[in-house]
N, C-alpha and C. Protein backbone atom coordinates (compact mmCIF):
# COMPACT_ATOMS: atom_id res chain seq x y z
N UNK A 1 -16.97 -0.94 10.44
CA UNK A 1 -15.83 -0.03 10.42
C UNK A 1 -14.54 -0.85 10.34
N UNK A 2 -13.60 -0.33 9.57
CA UNK A 2 -12.28 -0.93 9.43
C UNK A 2 -11.25 0.15 9.77
N UNK A 3 -10.29 -0.21 10.62
CA UNK A 3 -9.24 0.71 11.01
C UNK A 3 -7.94 0.21 10.42
N UNK A 4 -7.21 1.13 9.77
CA UNK A 4 -5.96 0.76 9.09
C UNK A 4 -4.83 1.60 9.64
N UNK A 5 -3.71 0.95 9.88
CA UNK A 5 -2.51 1.64 10.37
C UNK A 5 -1.33 1.22 9.50
N UNK A 6 -0.74 2.22 8.83
CA UNK A 6 0.43 1.96 8.00
C UNK A 6 1.72 2.19 8.79
N UNK A 7 2.75 1.51 8.36
CA UNK A 7 4.08 1.74 8.94
C UNK A 7 5.12 1.32 7.92
N UNK A 8 6.38 1.71 8.17
CA UNK A 8 7.48 1.26 7.35
C UNK A 8 8.05 2.29 6.40
N UNK A 9 7.49 3.48 6.36
CA UNK A 9 8.02 4.50 5.49
C UNK A 9 9.35 5.03 6.02
N UNK A 10 9.98 5.88 5.22
CA UNK A 10 11.24 6.46 5.64
C UNK A 10 12.03 7.01 4.48
N UNK A 11 13.28 7.29 4.75
CA UNK A 11 14.19 7.83 3.75
C UNK A 11 15.09 6.70 3.23
N UNK A 12 15.18 6.58 1.92
CA UNK A 12 16.02 5.53 1.33
C UNK A 12 16.69 6.12 0.09
N UNK A 13 17.89 5.61 -0.18
CA UNK A 13 18.62 6.06 -1.36
C UNK A 13 18.05 5.42 -2.63
N UNK A 14 18.22 6.08 -3.76
CA UNK A 14 17.79 5.46 -5.03
C UNK A 14 18.41 4.07 -5.19
N UNK A 15 17.58 3.14 -5.65
CA UNK A 15 18.02 1.75 -5.77
C UNK A 15 17.78 0.92 -4.52
N UNK A 16 17.38 1.57 -3.45
CA UNK A 16 17.15 0.86 -2.20
C UNK A 16 15.78 0.22 -2.11
N UNK A 17 15.52 -0.36 -0.93
CA UNK A 17 14.27 -1.07 -0.72
C UNK A 17 13.60 -0.65 0.57
N UNK A 18 12.29 -0.81 0.61
CA UNK A 18 11.50 -0.58 1.82
C UNK A 18 10.35 -1.56 1.81
N UNK A 19 9.85 -1.87 3.00
CA UNK A 19 8.63 -2.65 3.11
C UNK A 19 7.61 -1.88 3.95
N UNK A 20 6.48 -1.64 3.35
CA UNK A 20 5.39 -0.98 4.07
C UNK A 20 4.43 -2.04 4.59
N UNK A 21 3.86 -1.75 5.74
CA UNK A 21 2.87 -2.64 6.34
C UNK A 21 1.59 -1.89 6.59
N UNK A 22 0.47 -2.59 6.46
CA UNK A 22 -0.83 -2.03 6.73
C UNK A 22 -1.60 -3.03 7.58
N UNK A 23 -1.76 -2.69 8.85
CA UNK A 23 -2.47 -3.58 9.78
C UNK A 23 -3.93 -3.18 9.85
N UNK A 24 -4.80 -4.14 9.66
CA UNK A 24 -6.24 -3.89 9.67
C UNK A 24 -6.87 -4.42 10.94
N UNK A 25 -7.87 -3.71 11.42
CA UNK A 25 -8.64 -4.16 12.57
C UNK A 25 -10.09 -3.75 12.38
N UNK A 26 -10.96 -4.28 13.24
CA UNK A 26 -12.38 -3.97 13.11
C UNK A 26 -13.09 -5.04 12.27
N UNK A 27 -13.93 -4.60 11.38
CA UNK A 27 -14.77 -5.52 10.58
C UNK A 27 -13.97 -6.08 9.40
N UNK A 28 -12.87 -6.74 9.70
CA UNK A 28 -11.98 -7.20 8.64
C UNK A 28 -12.62 -8.31 7.81
N UNK A 29 -13.61 -9.01 8.35
CA UNK A 29 -14.24 -10.09 7.61
C UNK A 29 -14.98 -9.55 6.38
N UNK A 30 -15.28 -8.26 6.41
CA UNK A 30 -16.05 -7.65 5.30
C UNK A 30 -15.20 -7.10 4.17
N UNK A 31 -13.88 -7.17 4.35
CA UNK A 31 -12.98 -6.56 3.36
C UNK A 31 -12.92 -7.42 2.10
N UNK A 32 -13.09 -6.78 0.98
CA UNK A 32 -13.04 -7.46 -0.33
C UNK A 32 -11.67 -7.27 -0.99
N UNK A 33 -11.18 -6.05 -0.98
CA UNK A 33 -9.91 -5.75 -1.62
C UNK A 33 -9.15 -4.72 -0.81
N UNK A 34 -7.84 -4.85 -0.82
CA UNK A 34 -7.00 -3.85 -0.17
C UNK A 34 -5.98 -3.36 -1.17
N UNK A 35 -5.61 -2.10 -1.00
CA UNK A 35 -4.68 -1.53 -1.95
C UNK A 35 -3.77 -0.52 -1.34
N UNK A 36 -2.70 -0.25 -2.02
CA UNK A 36 -1.77 0.81 -1.67
C UNK A 36 -1.88 1.91 -2.72
N UNK A 37 -2.01 3.13 -2.26
CA UNK A 37 -2.07 4.30 -3.10
C UNK A 37 -0.93 5.22 -2.68
N UNK A 38 -0.60 6.17 -3.55
CA UNK A 38 0.40 7.17 -3.18
C UNK A 38 0.01 8.51 -3.74
N UNK A 39 0.48 9.53 -3.05
CA UNK A 39 0.23 10.89 -3.48
C UNK A 39 1.49 11.71 -3.31
N UNK A 40 2.02 12.18 -4.42
CA UNK A 40 3.19 13.06 -4.40
C UNK A 40 2.72 14.49 -4.34
N UNK A 41 3.56 15.41 -3.86
CA UNK A 41 3.18 16.81 -3.79
C UNK A 41 2.71 17.35 -5.14
N UNK A 42 1.55 17.98 -5.15
CA UNK A 42 1.02 18.57 -6.37
C UNK A 42 0.41 17.60 -7.34
N UNK A 43 0.34 16.35 -6.95
CA UNK A 43 -0.22 15.31 -7.85
C UNK A 43 -1.42 14.64 -7.22
N UNK A 44 -2.22 14.02 -8.07
CA UNK A 44 -3.38 13.29 -7.57
C UNK A 44 -2.95 11.95 -6.96
N UNK A 45 -3.78 11.48 -6.04
CA UNK A 45 -3.51 10.16 -5.45
C UNK A 45 -3.71 9.10 -6.54
N UNK A 46 -2.79 8.14 -6.56
CA UNK A 46 -2.85 7.12 -7.60
C UNK A 46 -2.72 5.73 -6.99
N UNK A 47 -3.34 4.76 -7.67
CA UNK A 47 -3.24 3.37 -7.22
C UNK A 47 -1.84 2.83 -7.56
N UNK A 48 -1.24 2.20 -6.59
CA UNK A 48 0.06 1.56 -6.77
C UNK A 48 -0.12 0.05 -6.96
N UNK A 49 -0.83 -0.58 -6.07
CA UNK A 49 -1.04 -2.02 -6.15
C UNK A 49 -2.28 -2.39 -5.33
N UNK A 50 -2.93 -3.48 -5.73
CA UNK A 50 -4.10 -3.93 -4.97
C UNK A 50 -4.10 -5.45 -4.92
N UNK A 51 -4.83 -5.98 -3.93
CA UNK A 51 -4.94 -7.43 -3.79
C UNK A 51 -6.34 -7.78 -3.36
N UNK A 52 -6.96 -8.71 -4.05
CA UNK A 52 -8.27 -9.21 -3.68
C UNK A 52 -8.08 -10.27 -2.61
N UNK A 53 -8.72 -10.06 -1.48
CA UNK A 53 -8.45 -10.86 -0.30
C UNK A 53 -8.80 -12.33 -0.52
N UNK A 54 -9.91 -12.60 -1.17
CA UNK A 54 -10.39 -13.99 -1.31
C UNK A 54 -9.54 -14.81 -2.26
N UNK A 55 -8.96 -14.15 -3.26
CA UNK A 55 -8.24 -14.89 -4.31
C UNK A 55 -6.76 -14.58 -4.35
N UNK A 56 -6.35 -13.55 -3.64
CA UNK A 56 -4.97 -13.05 -3.69
C UNK A 56 -4.59 -12.54 -5.08
N UNK A 57 -5.57 -12.29 -5.91
CA UNK A 57 -5.28 -11.72 -7.24
C UNK A 57 -4.74 -10.30 -7.04
N UNK A 58 -3.68 -9.98 -7.74
CA UNK A 58 -3.03 -8.69 -7.57
C UNK A 58 -3.10 -7.86 -8.85
N UNK A 59 -2.91 -6.56 -8.67
CA UNK A 59 -2.91 -5.60 -9.77
C UNK A 59 -1.88 -4.53 -9.45
N UNK A 60 -1.12 -4.11 -10.46
CA UNK A 60 -0.07 -3.12 -10.24
C UNK A 60 -0.14 -2.01 -11.26
N UNK A 61 0.26 -0.82 -10.83
CA UNK A 61 0.45 0.27 -11.75
C UNK A 61 1.66 -0.07 -12.63
N UNK A 62 1.61 0.37 -13.88
CA UNK A 62 2.71 0.07 -14.79
C UNK A 62 4.05 0.59 -14.27
N UNK A 63 4.00 1.70 -13.58
CA UNK A 63 5.24 2.36 -13.12
C UNK A 63 5.96 1.55 -12.04
N UNK A 64 5.28 0.57 -11.43
CA UNK A 64 5.90 -0.19 -10.34
C UNK A 64 6.03 -1.68 -10.63
N UNK A 65 5.48 -2.11 -11.76
CA UNK A 65 5.55 -3.53 -12.11
C UNK A 65 6.99 -4.02 -12.16
N UNK A 66 7.22 -5.15 -11.54
CA UNK A 66 8.56 -5.72 -11.50
C UNK A 66 9.42 -5.19 -10.38
N UNK A 67 8.96 -4.14 -9.71
CA UNK A 67 9.74 -3.56 -8.60
C UNK A 67 9.01 -3.69 -7.27
N UNK A 68 7.69 -3.61 -7.30
CA UNK A 68 6.89 -3.65 -6.06
C UNK A 68 6.09 -4.96 -6.02
N UNK A 69 5.88 -5.46 -4.81
CA UNK A 69 5.06 -6.65 -4.62
C UNK A 69 4.11 -6.43 -3.46
N UNK A 70 2.83 -6.66 -3.69
CA UNK A 70 1.84 -6.58 -2.63
C UNK A 70 1.53 -7.99 -2.18
N UNK A 71 1.39 -8.17 -0.86
CA UNK A 71 1.08 -9.48 -0.32
C UNK A 71 0.26 -9.31 0.96
N UNK A 72 -0.28 -10.42 1.44
CA UNK A 72 -1.09 -10.35 2.66
C UNK A 72 -0.73 -11.49 3.60
N UNK A 73 -0.93 -11.25 4.87
CA UNK A 73 -0.76 -12.26 5.90
C UNK A 73 -2.06 -12.28 6.68
N UNK A 74 -2.91 -13.25 6.39
CA UNK A 74 -4.23 -13.29 7.03
C UNK A 74 -4.13 -13.46 8.54
N UNK A 75 -3.14 -14.21 8.98
CA UNK A 75 -3.03 -14.46 10.41
C UNK A 75 -2.76 -13.17 11.17
N UNK A 76 -2.08 -12.23 10.51
CA UNK A 76 -1.75 -10.97 11.15
C UNK A 76 -2.66 -9.85 10.68
N UNK A 77 -3.61 -10.14 9.80
CA UNK A 77 -4.51 -9.11 9.26
C UNK A 77 -3.72 -7.93 8.71
N UNK A 78 -2.67 -8.28 7.97
CA UNK A 78 -1.75 -7.25 7.50
C UNK A 78 -1.49 -7.44 6.00
N UNK A 79 -1.41 -6.30 5.33
CA UNK A 79 -1.02 -6.29 3.92
C UNK A 79 0.31 -5.54 3.81
N UNK A 80 1.19 -6.07 2.96
CA UNK A 80 2.52 -5.52 2.81
C UNK A 80 2.73 -4.97 1.40
N UNK A 81 3.64 -4.03 1.28
CA UNK A 81 4.10 -3.58 -0.01
C UNK A 81 5.62 -3.60 0.02
N UNK A 82 6.19 -4.58 -0.68
CA UNK A 82 7.63 -4.64 -0.81
C UNK A 82 8.05 -3.77 -1.98
N UNK A 83 8.96 -2.86 -1.73
CA UNK A 83 9.40 -1.93 -2.77
C UNK A 83 10.88 -2.08 -2.98
N UNK A 84 11.27 -2.34 -4.20
CA UNK A 84 12.69 -2.50 -4.54
C UNK A 84 13.04 -1.56 -5.69
N UNK A 85 14.35 -1.38 -5.88
CA UNK A 85 14.83 -0.50 -6.97
C UNK A 85 14.10 0.84 -6.94
N UNK A 86 14.03 1.41 -5.76
CA UNK A 86 13.28 2.67 -5.60
C UNK A 86 13.92 3.80 -6.38
N UNK A 87 13.04 4.66 -6.86
CA UNK A 87 13.47 5.79 -7.67
C UNK A 87 12.99 7.09 -6.99
N UNK A 88 13.64 8.20 -7.28
CA UNK A 88 13.18 9.47 -6.68
C UNK A 88 11.69 9.73 -6.99
N UNK A 89 11.23 9.32 -8.13
CA UNK A 89 9.82 9.54 -8.46
C UNK A 89 8.86 8.67 -7.67
N UNK A 90 9.37 7.77 -6.87
CA UNK A 90 8.51 6.99 -5.97
C UNK A 90 8.24 7.75 -4.68
N UNK A 91 8.90 8.89 -4.52
CA UNK A 91 8.68 9.70 -3.31
C UNK A 91 7.23 10.16 -3.22
N UNK A 92 6.58 9.87 -2.11
CA UNK A 92 5.18 10.20 -1.94
C UNK A 92 4.73 9.79 -0.55
N UNK A 93 3.53 10.21 -0.21
CA UNK A 93 2.85 9.63 0.95
C UNK A 93 2.11 8.40 0.48
N UNK A 94 2.35 7.28 1.10
CA UNK A 94 1.70 6.02 0.72
C UNK A 94 0.56 5.74 1.68
N UNK A 95 -0.61 5.46 1.09
CA UNK A 95 -1.81 5.20 1.86
C UNK A 95 -2.31 3.77 1.61
N UNK A 96 -2.81 3.16 2.64
CA UNK A 96 -3.47 1.86 2.53
C UNK A 96 -4.97 2.10 2.50
N UNK A 97 -5.65 1.35 1.64
CA UNK A 97 -7.11 1.46 1.54
C UNK A 97 -7.72 0.07 1.56
N UNK A 98 -8.82 -0.02 2.26
CA UNK A 98 -9.61 -1.27 2.27
C UNK A 98 -10.99 -0.94 1.76
N UNK A 99 -11.53 -1.84 0.93
CA UNK A 99 -12.87 -1.67 0.43
C UNK A 99 -13.67 -2.93 0.78
N UNK A 100 -14.86 -2.74 1.31
CA UNK A 100 -15.65 -3.90 1.67
C UNK A 100 -16.67 -4.25 0.57
N UNK A 101 -17.45 -5.30 0.83
CA UNK A 101 -18.38 -5.80 -0.18
C UNK A 101 -19.50 -4.81 -0.48
N UNK A 102 -19.66 -3.80 0.39
CA UNK A 102 -20.66 -2.75 0.11
C UNK A 102 -20.00 -1.54 -0.59
N UNK A 103 -18.75 -1.76 -1.01
CA UNK A 103 -17.99 -0.73 -1.73
C UNK A 103 -17.73 0.50 -0.88
N UNK A 104 -17.65 0.30 0.43
CA UNK A 104 -17.27 1.39 1.33
C UNK A 104 -15.74 1.38 1.47
N UNK A 105 -15.15 2.54 1.42
CA UNK A 105 -13.69 2.67 1.48
C UNK A 105 -13.25 3.14 2.86
N UNK A 106 -12.13 2.56 3.30
CA UNK A 106 -11.48 2.97 4.54
C UNK A 106 -10.01 3.25 4.25
N UNK A 107 -9.50 4.35 4.79
CA UNK A 107 -8.13 4.77 4.51
C UNK A 107 -7.30 4.79 5.81
N UNK A 108 -6.04 4.53 5.64
CA UNK A 108 -5.09 4.72 6.72
C UNK A 108 -4.62 6.16 6.73
N UNK A 109 -3.75 6.49 7.68
CA UNK A 109 -3.30 7.86 7.85
C UNK A 109 -2.16 8.23 6.90
N UNK A 110 -1.54 7.22 6.27
CA UNK A 110 -0.45 7.46 5.35
C UNK A 110 0.90 7.35 6.00
N UNK A 111 1.88 6.97 5.19
CA UNK A 111 3.27 6.92 5.63
C UNK A 111 4.16 7.50 4.54
N UNK A 112 5.11 8.35 4.93
CA UNK A 112 5.93 9.07 3.97
C UNK A 112 7.09 8.20 3.50
N UNK A 113 7.29 8.18 2.21
CA UNK A 113 8.45 7.53 1.60
C UNK A 113 9.23 8.57 0.84
N UNK A 114 10.49 8.73 1.18
CA UNK A 114 11.38 9.66 0.48
C UNK A 114 12.53 8.90 -0.11
N UNK A 115 12.71 9.05 -1.43
CA UNK A 115 13.81 8.39 -2.14
C UNK A 115 14.75 9.50 -2.59
N UNK A 116 15.89 9.56 -1.95
CA UNK A 116 16.82 10.65 -2.24
C UNK A 116 18.23 10.26 -1.83
N UNK A 117 19.19 10.79 -2.58
CA UNK A 117 20.58 10.56 -2.22
C UNK A 117 21.09 11.68 -1.31
């Protein structure tokens, strides 16, 4: 079992920045990849960014490339999502997901990000 806790969401003006954190606990040694997803009202949940733990290889949705950065701190068992140049269309609930080598998925509870003036 892997337990994930997100934090760092909030209200920010367009053009602003936020950093989301996802702290992992439990069977963290089994995690293969971690990712950030988001779900806006009335829309499907979508992948924002992911990072392979062993190689730090990253992947981004086209809509966030150049604005968002995913990173990890192994010492803190935490994955971050740095978000810059935020747009109103970035408004969503952001979820952290961990997948282990058995392809089992674990989700956090989500953190709300609102981009509005």
